[in-house]
């Protein structure tokens, strides 16, 4: 996959993600569903990360011919992945905190509306996964210099994680509506928050090694 293709796919996914994020957060607040609200804010962090990804591609492309870079501009994209992982980690902590509070201060949830919106969110996530694709996560600025595109990998993993969170939210809402298991709603928020934090830590480690020119033996 070329850098231009990755950039264009990222832009399309950004638009879809932002629309779905606004929808989920809005209805999550109205229906008082922490699972849906958490999923919406989760998508918000992805939109931010995807924007960083897109901006990094533009900056890397613009500076690719600059003589001020000793080798290439590949690390701009890696730095973008590192920054997005920091934002993701902070959001994961916020979702985890809010979800734990819901165990002690539960709200009455409008399950029907929340389920409909959560399903829409999952459909959009699956569509974004198809748009991004998984065939090749590397590109090169010349025929001899191949670079693992952490920028694109970060964006793709954001979407995968969001799809899984959406699935959990739907499961929790259905269980709450038909079985009365309302405790699953904040529990899913906790699981989602922990997942985001773990993913962020792993990405921070991977991108840090590249930025520090650490050679794995």
Foldseek 3Di string as FASTA:
>chain_A
DALVLLLVLLVVLLVLLVVLLVLQCVVCVVQVFLLSNLLSVLSVLLSVLSVLLNVLSVVQVVCQPPPVDPPGSLLSQLVSLLVSLVSLQVSLVVLLVVLVVCVVVPDRGPLVSNLVSLVVQLVSLVVSLVSLDDDDQWDDPDPPDIDRRSNSVSSNVSSVLSNVSSVQQNVQSVCCVPVVPVNSRSVSSNVSSVVSNVVSVVSNVVSVCVVVVPDDD
